[in-house]
Amino acid sequence: MPGHPLSRKAFNDQLVRQGVHTRAARTAALIALATDLPAPVPAGLLDVHIHTALMWARHAQRDWTTYLTARAAGLADAAEPGRP
């Protein structure tokens, strides 16, 4: 109906009827996102379960221990008095 937004499913159904299949592109985009961010971030942003985001990260084979170490070091540096 004009003036009313389509649901994700309704929009996808219209694309499929026109021969546009989006599942593979969506999955690739989600896995790419999982390579750039720790799993809890896309889980919160996209409102998906953390287990789903962890599955994407497993597919991407990303190890976030380096990120977490750097993040912890940055927070510790910021907590020291007299440091900018």
PDB file of N, CA and C in Angstrom:
ATOM      1  N   MET A   1       0.846  -1.179   0.000  1.00  0.00           N
ATOM      2  CA  MET A   1       0.000   0.000   0.000  1.00  0.00           C
ATOM      3  C   MET A   1       0.890   1.241   0.000  1.00  0.00           C
ATOM      4  N   PRO A   2       0.564   2.224  -0.783  1.00  0.00           N
ATOM      5  CA  PRO A   2       1.352   3.455  -0.813  1.00  0.00           C
ATOM      6  C   PRO A   2       1.396   4.111   0.569  1.00  0.00           C
ATOM      7  N   GLY A   3       2.571   4.580   0.929  1.00  0.00           N
ATOM      8  CA  GLY A   3       2.733   5.258   2.208  1.00  0.00           C
ATOM      9  C   GLY A   3       2.999   4.343   3.381  1.00  0.00           C
ATOM     10  N   HIS A   4       3.000   3.027   3.164  1.00  0.00           N
ATOM     11  CA  HIS A   4       3.261   2.071   4.240  1.00  0.00           C
ATOM     12  C   HIS A   4       4.523   1.286   3.909  1.00  0.00           C
ATOM     13  N   PRO A   5       5.424   1.150   4.869  1.00  0.00           N
ATOM     14  CA  PRO A   5       6.661   0.409   4.588  1.00  0.00           C
ATOM     15  C   PRO A   5       6.404  -1.089   4.437  1.00  0.00           C
ATOM     16  N   LEU A   6       7.228  -1.719   3.632  1.00  0.00           N
ATOM     17  CA  LEU A   6       7.156  -3.171   3.471  1.00  0.00           C
ATOM     18  C   LEU A   6       7.954  -3.845   4.575  1.00  0.00           C
ATOM     19  N   SER A   7       7.512  -5.003   4.979  1.00  0.00           N
ATOM     20  CA  SER A   7       8.323  -5.791   5.902  1.00  0.00           C
ATOM     21  C   SER A   7       9.507  -6.350   5.119  1.00  0.00           C
ATOM     22  N   ARG A   8      10.517  -6.811   5.832  1.00  0.00           N
ATOM     23  CA  ARG A   8      11.689  -7.395   5.170  1.00  0.00           C
ATOM     24  C   ARG A   8      11.276  -8.571   4.294  1.00  0.00           C
ATOM     25  N   LYS A   9      10.371  -9.398   4.802  1.00  0.00           N
ATOM     26  CA  LYS A   9       9.935 -10.566   4.040  1.00  0.00           C
ATOM     27  C   LYS A   9       9.172 -10.157   2.788  1.00  0.00           C
ATOM     28  N   ALA A  10       8.269  -9.198   2.910  1.00  0.00           N
ATOM     29  CA  ALA A  10       7.494  -8.754   1.752  1.00  0.00           C
ATOM     30  C   ALA A  10       8.403  -8.151   0.686  1.00  0.00           C
ATOM     31  N   PHE A  11       9.383  -7.373   1.132  1.00  0.00           N
ATOM     32  CA  PHE A  11      10.321  -6.777   0.188  1.00  0.00           C
ATOM     33  C   PHE A  11      11.140  -7.860  -0.510  1.00  0.00           C
ATOM     34  N   ASN A  12      11.614  -8.824   0.267  1.00  0.00           N
ATOM     35  CA  ASN A  12      12.389  -9.921  -0.303  1.00  0.00           C
ATOM     36  C   ASN A  12      11.545 -10.734  -1.289  1.00  0.00           C
ATOM     37  N   ASP A  13      10.290 -10.983  -0.949  1.00  0.00           N
ATOM     38  CA  ASP A  13       9.396 -11.722  -1.850  1.00  0.00           C
ATOM     39  C   ASP A  13       9.242 -11.005  -3.188  1.00  0.00           C
ATOM     40  N   GLN A  14       9.141  -9.685  -3.144  1.00  0.00           N
ATOM     41  CA  GLN A  14       9.026  -8.919  -4.386  1.00  0.00           C
ATOM     42  C   GLN A  14      10.306  -9.031  -5.215  1.00  0.00           C
ATOM     43  N   LEU A  15      11.449  -8.967  -4.549  1.00  0.00           N
ATOM     44  CA  LEU A  15      12.722  -9.114  -5.265  1.00  0.00           C
ATOM     45  C   LEU A  15      12.832 -10.489  -5.924  1.00  0.00           C
ATOM     46  N   VAL A  16      12.455 -11.534  -5.201  1.00  0.00           N
ATOM     47  CA  VAL A  16      12.528 -12.898  -5.739  1.00  0.00           C
ATOM     48  C   VAL A  16      11.620 -13.044  -6.953  1.00  0.00           C
ATOM     49  N   ARG A  17      10.434 -12.454  -6.899  1.00  0.00           N
ATOM     50  CA  ARG A  17       9.522 -12.514  -8.054  1.00  0.00           C
ATOM     51  C   ARG A  17      10.130 -11.864  -9.293  1.00  0.00           C
ATOM     52  N   GLN A  18      11.017 -10.890  -9.059  1.00  0.00           N
ATOM     53  CA  GLN A  18      11.681 -10.212 -10.176  1.00  0.00           C
ATOM     54  C   GLN A  18      12.980 -10.911 -10.572  1.00  0.00           C
ATOM     55  N   GLY A  19      13.313 -12.009  -9.886  1.00  0.00           N
ATOM     56  CA  GLY A  19      14.520 -12.764 -10.222  1.00  0.00           C
ATOM     57  C   GLY A  19      15.769 -12.320  -9.483  1.00  0.00           C
ATOM     58  N   VAL A  20      15.606 -11.505  -8.448  1.00  0.00           N
ATOM     59  CA  VAL A  20      16.744 -11.029  -7.656  1.00  0.00           C
ATOM     60  C   VAL A  20      16.791 -11.846  -6.370  1.00  0.00           C
ATOM     61  N   HIS A  21      17.832 -12.645  -6.224  1.00  0.00           N
ATOM     62  CA  HIS A  21      17.989 -13.481  -5.031  1.00  0.00           C
ATOM     63  C   HIS A  21      19.065 -12.862  -4.146  1.00  0.00           C
ATOM     64  N   THR A  22      18.718 -12.597  -2.893  1.00  0.00           N
ATOM     65  CA  THR A  22      19.591 -11.834  -2.004  1.00  0.00           C
ATOM     66  C   THR A  22      20.249 -12.646  -0.899  1.00  0.00           C
ATOM     67  N   ARG A  23      19.848 -13.892  -0.705  1.00  0.00           N
ATOM     68  CA  ARG A  23      20.344 -14.659   0.437  1.00  0.00           C
ATOM     69  C   ARG A  23      21.872 -14.779   0.444  1.00  0.00           C
ATOM     70  N   ALA A  24      22.465 -15.121  -0.683  1.00  0.00           N
ATOM     71  CA  ALA A  24      23.921 -15.295  -0.740  1.00  0.00           C
ATOM     72  C   ALA A  24      24.640 -13.977  -0.458  1.00  0.00           C
ATOM     73  N   ALA A  25      24.135 -12.878  -1.007  1.00  0.00           N
ATOM     74  CA  ALA A  25      24.762 -11.577  -0.777  1.00  0.00           C
ATOM     75  C   ALA A  25      24.618 -11.154   0.687  1.00  0.00           C
ATOM     76  N   ARG A  26      23.459 -11.419   1.277  1.00  0.00           N
ATOM     77  CA  ARG A  26      23.235 -11.073   2.687  1.00  0.00           C
ATOM     78  C   ARG A  26      24.176 -11.865   3.588  1.00  0.00           C
ATOM     79  N   THR A  27      24.286 -13.160   3.318  1.00  0.00           N
ATOM     80  CA  THR A  27      25.177 -13.997   4.119  1.00  0.00           C
ATOM     81  C   THR A  27      26.622 -13.524   3.993  1.00  0.00           C
ATOM     82  N   ALA A  28      27.053 -13.215   2.781  1.00  0.00           N
ATOM     83  CA  ALA A  28      28.422 -12.720   2.572  1.00  0.00           C
ATOM     84  C   ALA A  28      28.643 -11.406   3.301  1.00  0.00           C
ATOM     85  N   ALA A  29      27.651 -10.518   3.278  1.00  0.00           N
ATOM     86  CA  ALA A  29      27.781  -9.236   3.971  1.00  0.00           C
ATOM     87  C   ALA A  29      27.873  -9.432   5.483  1.00  0.00           C
ATOM     88  N   LEU A  30      27.094 -10.361   6.029  1.00  0.00           N
ATOM     89  CA  LEU A  30      27.132 -10.612   7.473  1.00  0.00           C
ATOM     90  C   LEU A  30      28.466 -11.222   7.891  1.00  0.00           C
ATOM     91  N   ILE A  31      29.000 -12.115   7.079  1.00  0.00           N
ATOM     92  CA  ILE A  31      30.309 -12.703   7.390  1.00  0.00           C
ATOM     93  C   ILE A  31      31.394 -11.638   7.291  1.00  0.00           C
ATOM     94  N   ALA A  32      31.299 -10.755   6.288  1.00  0.00           N
ATOM     95  CA  ALA A  32      32.269  -9.665   6.165  1.00  0.00           C
ATOM     96  C   ALA A  32      32.205  -8.742   7.380  1.00  0.00           C
ATOM     97  N   LEU A  33      31.002  -8.473   7.861  1.00  0.00           N
ATOM     98  CA  LEU A  33      30.842  -7.654   9.053  1.00  0.00           C
ATOM     99  C   LEU A  33      31.493  -8.334  10.256  1.00  0.00           C
ATOM    100  N   ALA A  34      31.362  -9.643  10.333  1.00  0.00           N
ATOM    101  CA  ALA A  34      31.948 -10.395  11.446  1.00  0.00           C
ATOM    102  C   ALA A  34      33.471 -10.364  11.409  1.00  0.00           C
ATOM    103  N   THR A  35      34.066 -10.113  10.246  1.00  0.00           N
ATOM    104  CA  THR A  35      35.529 -10.007  10.192  1.00  0.00           C
ATOM    105  C   THR A  35      35.996  -8.656  10.693  1.00  0.00           C
ATOM    106  N   ASP A  36      35.108  -7.659  10.673  1.00  0.00           N
ATOM    107  CA  ASP A  36      35.489  -6.304  11.062  1.00  0.00           C
ATOM    108  C   ASP A  36      35.158  -5.947  12.503  1.00  0.00           C
ATOM    109  N   LEU A  37      34.231  -6.681  13.104  1.00  0.00           N
ATOM    110  CA  LEU A  37      33.775  -6.342  14.450  1.00  0.00           C
ATOM    111  C   LEU A  37      33.684  -7.585  15.319  1.00  0.00           C
ATOM    112  N   PRO A  38      33.910  -7.442  16.620  1.00  0.00           N
ATOM    113  CA  PRO A  38      33.673  -8.570  17.519  1.00  0.00           C
ATOM    114  C   PRO A  38      32.194  -8.958  17.495  1.00  0.00           C
ATOM    115  N   ALA A  39      31.896 -10.218  17.684  1.00  0.00           N
ATOM    116  CA  ALA A  39      30.535 -10.751  17.561  1.00  0.00           C
ATOM    117  C   ALA A  39      29.472  -9.981  18.354  1.00  0.00           C
ATOM    118  N   PRO A  40      29.745  -9.519  19.575  1.00  0.00           N
ATOM    119  CA  PRO A  40      28.681  -8.811  20.301  1.00  0.00           C
ATOM    120  C   PRO A  40      28.235  -7.511  19.627  1.00  0.00           C
ATOM    121  N   VAL A  41      29.113  -6.892  18.857  1.00  0.00           N
ATOM    122  CA  VAL A  41      28.755  -5.617  18.226  1.00  0.00           C
ATOM    123  C   VAL A  41      27.694  -5.819  17.147  1.00  0.00           C
ATOM    124  N   PRO A  42      27.932  -6.679  16.127  1.00  0.00           N
ATOM    125  CA  PRO A  42      26.850  -6.865  15.146  1.00  0.00           C
ATOM    126  C   PRO A  42      25.596  -7.503  15.752  1.00  0.00           C
ATOM    127  N   ALA A  43      25.771  -8.311  16.800  1.00  0.00           N
ATOM    128  CA  ALA A  43      24.599  -8.898  17.451  1.00  0.00           C
ATOM    129  C   ALA A  43      23.695  -7.795  17.996  1.00  0.00           C
ATOM    130  N   GLY A  44      24.291  -6.821  18.637  1.00  0.00           N
ATOM    131  CA  GLY A  44      23.516  -5.709  19.176  1.00  0.00           C
ATOM    132  C   GLY A  44      22.985  -4.780  18.101  1.00  0.00           C
ATOM    133  N   LEU A  45      23.814  -4.485  17.107  1.00  0.00           N
ATOM    134  CA  LEU A  45      23.403  -3.574  16.038  1.00  0.00           C
ATOM    135  C   LEU A  45      22.285  -4.146  15.179  1.00  0.00           C
ATOM    136  N   LEU A  46      22.372  -5.430  14.895  1.00  0.00           N
ATOM    137  CA  LEU A  46      21.406  -6.056  13.993  1.00  0.00           C
ATOM    138  C   LEU A  46      20.288  -6.786  14.730  1.00  0.00           C
ATOM    139  N   ASP A  47      20.338  -6.736  16.061  1.00  0.00           N
ATOM    140  CA  ASP A  47      19.320  -7.380  16.891  1.00  0.00           C
ATOM    141  C   ASP A  47      19.173  -8.864  16.562  1.00  0.00           C
ATOM    142  N   VAL A  48      20.340  -9.547  16.532  1.00  0.00           N
ATOM    143  CA  VAL A  48      20.344 -10.996  16.348  1.00  0.00           C
ATOM    144  C   VAL A  48      20.937 -11.626  17.600  1.00  0.00           C
ATOM    145  N   HIS A  49      20.689 -12.876  17.793  1.00  0.00           N
ATOM    146  CA  HIS A  49      21.200 -13.586  18.957  1.00  0.00           C
ATOM    147  C   HIS A  49      22.725 -13.675  18.874  1.00  0.00           C
ATOM    148  N   ILE A  50      23.381 -13.618  19.997  1.00  0.00           N
ATOM    149  CA  ILE A  50      24.845 -13.665  20.043  1.00  0.00           C
ATOM    150  C   ILE A  50      25.370 -14.950  19.408  1.00  0.00           C
ATOM    151  N   HIS A  51      24.648 -16.049  19.546  1.00  0.00           N
ATOM    152  CA  HIS A  51      25.099 -17.308  18.946  1.00  0.00           C
ATOM    153  C   HIS A  51      25.131 -17.215  17.418  1.00  0.00           C
ATOM    154  N   THR A  52      24.198 -16.477  16.848  1.00  0.00           N
ATOM    155  CA  THR A  52      24.181 -16.268  15.399  1.00  0.00           C
ATOM    156  C   THR A  52      25.399 -15.453  14.989  1.00  0.00           C
ATOM    157  N   ALA A  53      25.685 -14.387  15.720  1.00  0.00           N
ATOM    158  CA  ALA A  53      26.853 -13.556  15.415  1.00  0.00           C
ATOM    159  C   ALA A  53      28.145 -14.354  15.597  1.00  0.00           C
ATOM    160  N   LEU A  54      28.199 -15.206  16.594  1.00  0.00           N
ATOM    161  CA  LEU A  54      29.385 -16.049  16.785  1.00  0.00           C
ATOM    162  C   LEU A  54      29.548 -17.039  15.633  1.00  0.00           C
ATOM    163  N   MET A  55      28.436 -17.534  15.096  1.00  0.00           N
ATOM    164  CA  MET A  55      28.505 -18.426  13.950  1.00  0.00           C
ATOM    165  C   MET A  55      29.107 -17.694  12.748  1.00  0.00           C
ATOM    166  N   TRP A  56      28.694 -16.437  12.527  1.00  0.00           N
ATOM    167  CA  TRP A  56      29.263 -15.655  11.424  1.00  0.00           C
ATOM    168  C   TRP A  56      30.763 -15.470  11.639  1.00  0.00           C
ATOM    169  N   ALA A  57      31.158 -15.193  12.882  1.00  0.00           N
ATOM    170  CA  ALA A  57      32.583 -15.004  13.180  1.00  0.00           C
ATOM    171  C   ALA A  57      33.360 -16.294  12.944  1.00  0.00           C
ATOM    172  N   ARG A  58      32.767 -17.447  13.279  1.00  0.00           N
ATOM    173  CA  ARG A  58      33.430 -18.729  13.010  1.00  0.00           C
ATOM    174  C   ARG A  58      33.617 -18.940  11.514  1.00  0.00           C
ATOM    175  N   HIS A  59      32.610 -18.586  10.743  1.00  0.00           N
ATOM    176  CA  HIS A  59      32.729 -18.695   9.291  1.00  0.00           C
ATOM    177  C   HIS A  59      33.837 -17.786   8.772  1.00  0.00           C
ATOM    178  N   ALA A  60      33.984 -16.631   9.396  1.00  0.00           N
ATOM    179  CA  ALA A  60      35.004 -15.676   8.976  1.00  0.00           C
ATOM    180  C   ALA A  60      36.384 -16.061   9.506  1.00  0.00           C
ATOM    181  N   GLN A  61      36.420 -16.974  10.496  1.00  0.00           N
ATOM    182  CA  GLN A  61      37.679 -17.418  11.108  1.00  0.00           C
ATOM    183  C   GLN A  61      38.482 -16.248  11.672  1.00  0.00           C
ATOM    184  N   ARG A  62      37.829 -15.406  12.430  1.00  0.00           N
ATOM    185  CA  ARG A  62      38.483 -14.238  13.001  1.00  0.00           C
ATOM    186  C   ARG A  62      38.764 -14.492  14.479  1.00  0.00           C
ATOM    187  N   ASP A  63      39.962 -14.194  14.920  1.00  0.00           N
ATOM    188  CA  ASP A  63      40.342 -14.322  16.317  1.00  0.00           C
ATOM    189  C   ASP A  63      40.456 -12.913  16.899  1.00  0.00           C
ATOM    190  N   TRP A  64      39.682 -12.627  17.928  1.00  0.00           N
ATOM    191  CA  TRP A  64      39.626 -11.272  18.472  1.00  0.00           C
ATOM    192  C   TRP A  64      40.506 -11.066  19.698  1.00  0.00           C
ATOM    193  N   THR A  65      41.395 -12.013  20.005  1.00  0.00           N
ATOM    194  CA  THR A  65      42.216 -11.841  21.204  1.00  0.00           C
ATOM    195  C   THR A  65      43.137 -10.632  21.077  1.00  0.00           C
ATOM    196  N   THR A  66      43.665 -10.358  19.890  1.00  0.00           N
ATOM    197  CA  THR A  66      44.534  -9.198  19.702  1.00  0.00           C
ATOM    198  C   THR A  66      43.753  -7.909  19.935  1.00  0.00           C
ATOM    199  N   TYR A  67      42.551  -7.845  19.395  1.00  0.00           N
ATOM    200  CA  TYR A  67      41.701  -6.671  19.584  1.00  0.00           C
ATOM    201  C   TYR A  67      41.408  -6.456  21.064  1.00  0.00           C
ATOM    202  N   LEU A  68      41.028  -7.523  21.757  1.00  0.00           N
ATOM    203  CA  LEU A  68      40.669  -7.402  23.167  1.00  0.00           C
ATOM    204  C   LEU A  68      41.859  -6.958  24.013  1.00  0.00           C
ATOM    205  N   THR A  69      43.042  -7.465  23.691  1.00  0.00           N
ATOM    206  CA  THR A  69      44.249  -7.055  24.410  1.00  0.00           C
ATOM    207  C   THR A  69      44.529  -5.573  24.190  1.00  0.00           C
ATOM    208  N   ALA A  70      44.452  -5.126  22.947  1.00  0.00           N
ATOM    209  CA  ALA A  70      44.690  -3.713  22.639  1.00  0.00           C
ATOM    210  C   ALA A  70      43.631  -2.832  23.298  1.00  0.00           C
ATOM    211  N   ARG A  71      42.402  -3.288  23.288  1.00  0.00           N
ATOM    212  CA  ARG A  71      41.317  -2.519  23.905  1.00  0.00           C
ATOM    213  C   ARG A  71      41.544  -2.391  25.413  1.00  0.00           C
ATOM    214  N   ALA A  72      41.927  -3.489  26.063  1.00  0.00           N
ATOM    215  CA  ALA A  72      42.187  -3.457  27.504  1.00  0.00           C
ATOM    216  C   ALA A  72      43.363  -2.532  27.812  1.00  0.00           C
ATOM    217  N   ALA A  73      44.397  -2.573  26.982  1.00  0.00           N
ATOM    218  CA  ALA A  73      45.559  -1.700  27.191  1.00  0.00           C
ATOM    219  C   ALA A  73      45.160  -0.239  27.017  1.00  0.00           C
ATOM    220  N   GLY A  74      44.322   0.047  26.029  1.00  0.00           N
ATOM    221  CA  GLY A  74      43.866   1.418  25.798  1.00  0.00           C
ATOM    222  C   GLY A  74      43.028   1.935  26.945  1.00  0.00           C
ATOM    223  N   LEU A  75      42.181   1.095  27.509  1.00  0.00           N
ATOM    224  CA  LEU A  75      41.365   1.500  28.650  1.00  0.00           C
ATOM    225  C   LEU A  75      42.230   1.728  29.881  1.00  0.00           C
ATOM    226  N   ALA A  76      43.256   0.894  30.049  1.00  0.00           N
ATOM    227  CA  ALA A  76      44.152   1.056  31.201  1.00  0.00           C
ATOM    228  C   ALA A  76      44.933   2.358  31.071  1.00  0.00           C
ATOM    229  N   ASP A  77      45.396   2.679  29.842  1.00  0.00           N
ATOM    230  CA  ASP A  77      46.132   3.919  29.628  1.00  0.00           C
ATOM    231  C   ASP A  77      45.252   5.124  29.896  1.00  0.00           C
ATOM    232  N   ALA A  78      44.010   5.070  29.508  1.00  0.00           N
ATOM    233  CA  ALA A  78      43.081   6.180  29.699  1.00  0.00           C
ATOM    234  C   ALA A  78      42.767   6.395  31.177  1.00  0.00           C
ATOM    235  N   ALA A  79      42.861   5.337  31.966  1.00  0.00           N
ATOM    236  CA  ALA A  79      42.536   5.430  33.391  1.00  0.00           C
ATOM    237  C   ALA A  79      43.679   6.043  34.208  1.00  0.00           C
ATOM    238  N   GLU A  80      44.887   6.086  33.638  1.00  0.00           N
ATOM    239  CA  GLU A  80      46.015   6.650  34.377  1.00  0.00           C
ATOM    240  C   GLU A  80      45.886   8.152  34.458  1.00  0.00           C
ATOM    241  N   PRO A  81      46.058   8.724  35.662  1.00  0.00           N
ATOM    242  CA  PRO A  81      45.963  10.182  35.809  1.00  0.00           C
ATOM    243  C   PRO A  81      47.148  10.854  35.108  1.00  0.00           C
ATOM    244  N   GLY A  82      46.894  12.028  34.523  1.00  0.00           N
ATOM    245  CA  GLY A  82      47.945  12.794  33.874  1.00  0.00           C
ATOM    246  C   GLY A  82      48.208  12.392  32.437  1.00  0.00           C
ATOM    247  N   ARG A  83      47.497  11.385  31.937  1.00  0.00           N
ATOM    248  CA  ARG A  83      47.675  10.973  30.524  1.00  0.00           C
ATOM    249  C   ARG A  83      46.535  11.565  29.715  1.00  0.00           C
ATOM    250  N   PRO A  84      46.853  12.058  28.537  1.00  0.00           N
ATOM    251  CA  PRO A  84      45.777  12.615  27.690  1.00  0.00           C
ATOM    252  C   PRO A  84      44.911  11.544  27.109  1.00  0.00           C
TER     253      PRO A  84
END
